Amino acid sequence: MIPIGDHNWRRGVPTATILLVLANIAVFAYQSLLPPQTREQFLRQAAMIPQDLVGSPSVAVAGTLLTSMFLHDGFLHIAGNMLYLGIFGDNVEERMGTLGFLTFYVAGGIGAGLAHVITHPLSSTPTVGASGAIAAVLGAYLALFPTNRVRTLLILGWFVRFAELPAFLVLGMWFVLQLVNGVLSLGVEASGGVAWFAHLGGFVFGLVIGGLLRHRRPTRPFQRNW
């Protein structure tokens, strides 16, 4: 189940969402152009490592909760994250406003990182990616627009088709997948992979904030676009 679009109820350009997508792409392009040894050093310095945050906290180490949000480990990693941010970010930004959405995005990413640290405090594996912040966006989207239609590519073996599904179904299934994999990952120290509890922490954070804003009305009527 791959989301490829949604019903956009907005009246203007999603400035913050566009800037975040461009910032992530710019950082990825920069790190990709570095020589291999320099790139590895750059990623390790800017990535978030739970063991360092717990064992030797400092301003620089704490800063990796922010810098790690703009790093990605490969093209598919950033492509998937930017797809989700582009689809779901604009509607949430419309409700929160540009500055509000930027603040929410950063706070969600930091909260997601802390959720990963709490559940894997001894992990020495560098953690990178915008997934935790984007999970917060998904949680807020579910709270604010649960019945909005999401255009989805369904792939079940040889069965492939497009369908419009309600957001609560698409994002609810996404959350269940993260939860199952997160529970299975407890007590397992892997050398790499997915920070499932960062996704879960970010999603719950977004769900709570979105729930608080659910009854907030926009100042002007929305324009419906695809």
Protein backbone atom coordinates (compact mmCIF):
# COMPACT_ATOMS: atom_id res chain seq x y z
CA MET A 1 0.00 0.00 0.00
CA ILE A 2 1.81 3.11 -1.28
CA PRO A 3 0.16 6.55 -1.00
CA ILE A 4 0.66 8.68 -4.11
CA GLY A 5 -1.66 11.63 -3.46
CA ASP A 6 -4.60 12.99 -1.50
CA HIS A 7 -7.38 15.52 -1.59
CA ASN A 8 -5.71 18.81 -0.77
CA TRP A 9 -7.88 21.32 1.05
CA ARG A 10 -5.68 24.38 1.00
CA ARG A 11 -5.80 28.02 0.01
CA GLY A 12 -2.11 28.78 -0.56
CA VAL A 13 1.37 27.45 -1.26
CA PRO A 14 2.69 25.05 1.44
CA THR A 15 5.89 27.06 1.95
CA ALA A 16 7.24 25.15 4.95
CA THR A 17 6.64 21.75 3.37
CA ILE A 18 8.42 22.79 0.19
CA LEU A 19 11.35 24.26 2.14
CA LEU A 20 11.72 21.09 4.22
CA VAL A 21 11.71 18.90 1.11
CA LEU A 22 14.31 21.12 -0.56
CA ALA A 23 16.48 21.20 2.58
CA ASN A 24 16.49 17.42 2.82
CA ILE A 25 17.33 17.07 -0.86
CA ALA A 26 20.11 19.66 -0.61
CA VAL A 27 21.76 17.91 2.34
CA PHE A 28 21.46 14.55 0.60
CA ALA A 29 23.04 15.96 -2.55
CA TYR A 30 25.87 17.46 -0.48
CA GLN A 31 26.64 14.23 1.38
CA SER A 32 26.43 12.24 -1.86
CA LEU A 33 29.12 14.42 -3.47
CA LEU A 34 31.58 13.91 -0.61
CA PRO A 35 34.42 11.39 -1.00
CA PRO A 36 33.47 8.06 0.63
CA GLN A 37 35.72 8.43 3.68
CA THR A 38 34.70 12.06 4.25
CA ARG A 39 31.03 11.16 3.79
CA GLU A 40 31.23 8.41 6.39
CA GLN A 41 32.86 10.79 8.87
CA PHE A 42 30.27 13.49 8.14
CA LEU A 43 27.37 11.09 8.67
CA ARG A 44 28.80 9.72 11.89
CA GLN A 45 29.32 13.18 13.35
CA ALA A 46 25.83 14.43 12.43
CA ALA A 47 23.91 11.20 13.10
CA MET A 48 22.16 10.55 16.40
CA ILE A 49 23.70 7.72 18.48
CA PRO A 50 21.62 6.70 21.53
CA GLN A 51 24.63 5.43 23.47
CA ASP A 52 26.35 8.82 23.18
CA LEU A 53 23.25 10.73 24.29
CA VAL A 54 22.89 8.53 27.36
CA GLY A 55 26.55 8.01 28.23
CA SER A 56 28.23 11.31 27.31
CA PRO A 57 25.62 14.02 26.82
CA SER A 58 26.77 17.44 25.64
CA VAL A 59 25.41 20.31 23.57
CA ALA A 60 27.06 18.90 20.44
CA VAL A 61 25.70 15.41 21.05
CA ALA A 62 22.22 16.75 21.81
CA GLY A 63 22.38 18.71 18.56
CA THR A 64 22.45 15.45 16.62
CA LEU A 65 18.76 15.03 17.47
CA LEU A 66 18.25 17.88 15.00
CA THR A 67 21.00 17.30 12.42
CA SER A 68 20.17 13.61 12.04
CA MET A 69 16.69 14.57 10.80
CA PHE A 70 18.18 15.93 7.56
CA LEU A 71 20.43 12.97 6.76
CA HIS A 72 19.46 9.92 4.71
CA ASP A 73 21.10 6.60 4.01
CA GLY A 74 20.48 6.20 0.29
CA PHE A 75 18.17 7.34 -2.49
CA LEU A 76 15.23 5.08 -1.61
CA HIS A 77 15.37 6.29 1.99
CA ILE A 78 15.02 9.96 1.11
CA ALA A 79 12.60 9.30 -1.79
CA GLY A 80 10.15 7.48 0.47
CA ASN A 81 10.36 10.11 3.19
CA MET A 82 9.90 13.03 0.82
CA LEU A 83 6.95 11.28 -0.85
CA TYR A 84 5.13 11.06 2.48
CA LEU A 85 6.10 14.59 3.50
CA GLY A 86 4.93 16.00 0.17
CA ILE A 87 1.58 14.21 0.30
CA PHE A 88 0.62 14.76 3.93
CA GLY A 89 2.59 17.84 4.97
CA ASP A 90 0.69 20.52 3.04
CA ASN A 91 -2.70 19.87 4.64
CA VAL A 92 -1.21 19.84 8.13
CA GLU A 93 0.72 23.03 7.37
CA GLU A 94 -2.51 24.64 6.17
CA ARG A 95 -4.06 24.07 9.58
CA MET A 96 -0.98 25.02 11.64
CA GLY A 97 0.48 27.85 9.60
CA THR A 98 4.01 28.03 8.21
CA LEU A 99 5.91 28.81 11.42
CA GLY A 100 3.68 26.58 13.49
CA PHE A 101 4.26 23.67 11.13
CA LEU A 102 8.05 24.16 11.13
CA THR A 103 8.07 24.22 14.93
CA PHE A 104 5.84 21.15 15.07
CA TYR A 105 8.02 19.28 12.54
CA VAL A 106 11.24 19.91 14.48
CA ALA A 107 9.63 19.12 17.83
CA GLY A 108 8.14 15.92 16.40
CA GLY A 109 11.51 14.84 15.04
CA ILE A 110 13.26 15.48 18.34
CA GLY A 111 10.52 13.67 20.25
CA ALA A 112 10.79 10.73 17.88
CA GLY A 113 14.54 10.59 18.39
CA LEU A 114 14.11 10.58 22.16
CA ALA A 115 11.60 7.75 21.89
CA HIS A 116 14.25 5.71 20.08
CA VAL A 117 16.87 6.59 22.72
CA ILE A 118 14.53 5.56 25.57
CA THR A 119 13.80 2.16 23.99
CA HIS A 120 17.37 1.51 22.78
CA PRO A 121 19.63 3.42 25.21
CA LEU A 122 22.68 1.20 24.64
CA SER A 123 22.55 1.24 20.85
CA SER A 124 25.74 2.39 19.15
CA THR A 125 24.15 2.40 15.70
CA PRO A 126 24.01 5.86 14.07
CA THR A 127 20.41 6.89 13.39
CA VAL A 128 19.55 9.14 10.45
CA GLY A 129 16.46 10.21 8.56
CA ALA A 130 13.39 12.43 8.64
CA SER A 131 11.09 9.48 9.33
CA GLY A 132 10.35 10.41 12.94
CA ALA A 133 9.37 13.99 12.08
CA ILE A 134 7.31 12.78 9.13
CA ALA A 135 5.61 10.22 11.39
CA ALA A 136 4.52 13.18 13.53
CA VAL A 137 3.03 14.75 10.39
CA LEU A 138 1.16 11.51 9.68
CA GLY A 139 -0.23 11.44 13.22
CA ALA A 140 -1.43 15.03 12.96
CA TYR A 141 -2.95 14.33 9.54
CA LEU A 142 -4.88 11.37 10.95
CA ALA A 143 -6.23 13.49 13.80
CA LEU A 144 -7.15 16.45 11.59
CA PHE A 145 -8.34 14.74 8.39
CA PRO A 146 -9.34 11.15 9.27
CA THR A 147 -11.84 10.80 6.43
CA ASN A 148 -9.82 12.57 3.74
CA ARG A 149 -9.33 10.39 0.67
CA VAL A 150 -5.81 9.16 -0.05
CA ARG A 151 -4.96 7.96 -3.54
CA THR A 152 -3.11 4.69 -3.00
CA LEU A 153 -1.26 2.12 -5.08
CA LEU A 154 -2.24 -1.35 -3.88
CA ILE A 155 0.19 -4.17 -4.57
CA LEU A 156 -0.83 -7.68 -3.50
CA GLY A 157 1.33 -10.16 -5.36
CA TRP A 158 0.28 -9.89 -9.00
CA PHE A 159 -2.71 -7.76 -8.07
CA VAL A 160 -1.93 -4.09 -8.72
CA ARG A 161 -4.51 -1.31 -8.78
CA PHE A 162 -5.17 2.28 -7.72
CA ALA A 163 -7.73 3.05 -5.03
CA GLU A 164 -8.95 6.00 -2.98
CA LEU A 165 -8.99 5.01 0.67
CA PRO A 166 -9.84 7.02 3.80
CA ALA A 167 -6.85 8.39 5.68
CA PHE A 168 -7.77 6.53 8.87
CA LEU A 169 -7.37 3.22 7.01
CA VAL A 170 -4.10 4.06 5.24
CA LEU A 171 -2.42 5.67 8.25
CA GLY A 172 -3.99 3.25 10.73
CA MET A 173 -2.45 0.31 8.88
CA TRP A 174 0.86 2.16 8.73
CA PHE A 175 0.79 2.61 12.51
CA VAL A 176 -0.06 -1.04 13.16
CA LEU A 177 2.88 -2.11 10.98
CA GLN A 178 5.24 0.14 12.95
CA LEU A 179 3.86 -1.15 16.26
CA VAL A 180 4.26 -4.82 15.37
CA ASN A 181 7.80 -4.35 14.12
CA GLY A 182 8.64 -2.15 17.10
CA VAL A 183 7.54 -4.79 19.60
CA LEU A 184 9.52 -7.44 17.72
CA SER A 185 12.62 -5.23 17.80
CA LEU A 186 12.67 -4.86 21.60
CA GLY A 187 15.79 -6.38 23.11
CA VAL A 188 17.40 -6.78 19.70
CA GLU A 189 20.60 -4.85 19.03
CA ALA A 190 20.94 -4.68 15.27
CA SER A 191 23.76 -3.16 13.28
CA GLY A 192 21.29 -1.29 11.11
CA GLY A 193 17.67 -1.13 10.05
CA VAL A 194 14.60 0.88 11.01
CA ALA A 195 14.11 2.87 14.22
CA TRP A 196 10.54 1.67 14.73
CA PHE A 197 10.00 3.42 18.06
CA ALA A 198 11.10 6.73 16.55
CA HIS A 199 8.22 6.30 14.12
CA LEU A 200 5.83 5.38 16.90
CA GLY A 201 6.95 8.22 19.15
CA GLY A 202 6.65 10.77 16.37
CA PHE A 203 3.23 9.48 15.32
CA VAL A 204 1.80 9.63 18.85
CA PHE A 205 3.21 13.14 19.29
CA GLY A 206 1.52 14.25 16.06
CA LEU A 207 -1.72 12.53 16.97
CA VAL A 208 -1.89 14.41 20.28
CA ILE A 209 -1.05 17.82 18.77
CA GLY A 210 -3.41 17.23 15.86
CA GLY A 211 -6.16 16.26 18.29
CA LEU A 212 -5.71 19.52 20.16
CA LEU A 213 -6.00 21.48 16.90
CA ARG A 214 -8.85 19.45 15.44
CA HIS A 215 -11.54 22.01 16.21
CA ARG A 216 -9.47 25.00 15.14
CA ARG A 217 -11.10 26.59 12.11
CA PRO A 218 -9.08 28.10 9.24
CA THR A 219 -9.48 31.84 8.81
CA ARG A 220 -10.53 31.50 5.16
CA PRO A 221 -12.31 28.75 3.22
CA PHE A 222 -10.19 26.04 1.61
CA GLN A 223 -9.71 25.50 -2.09
CA ARG A 224 -9.91 21.88 -3.14
CA ASN A 225 -7.14 20.65 -5.44
CA TRP A 226 -5.53 17.36 -6.30
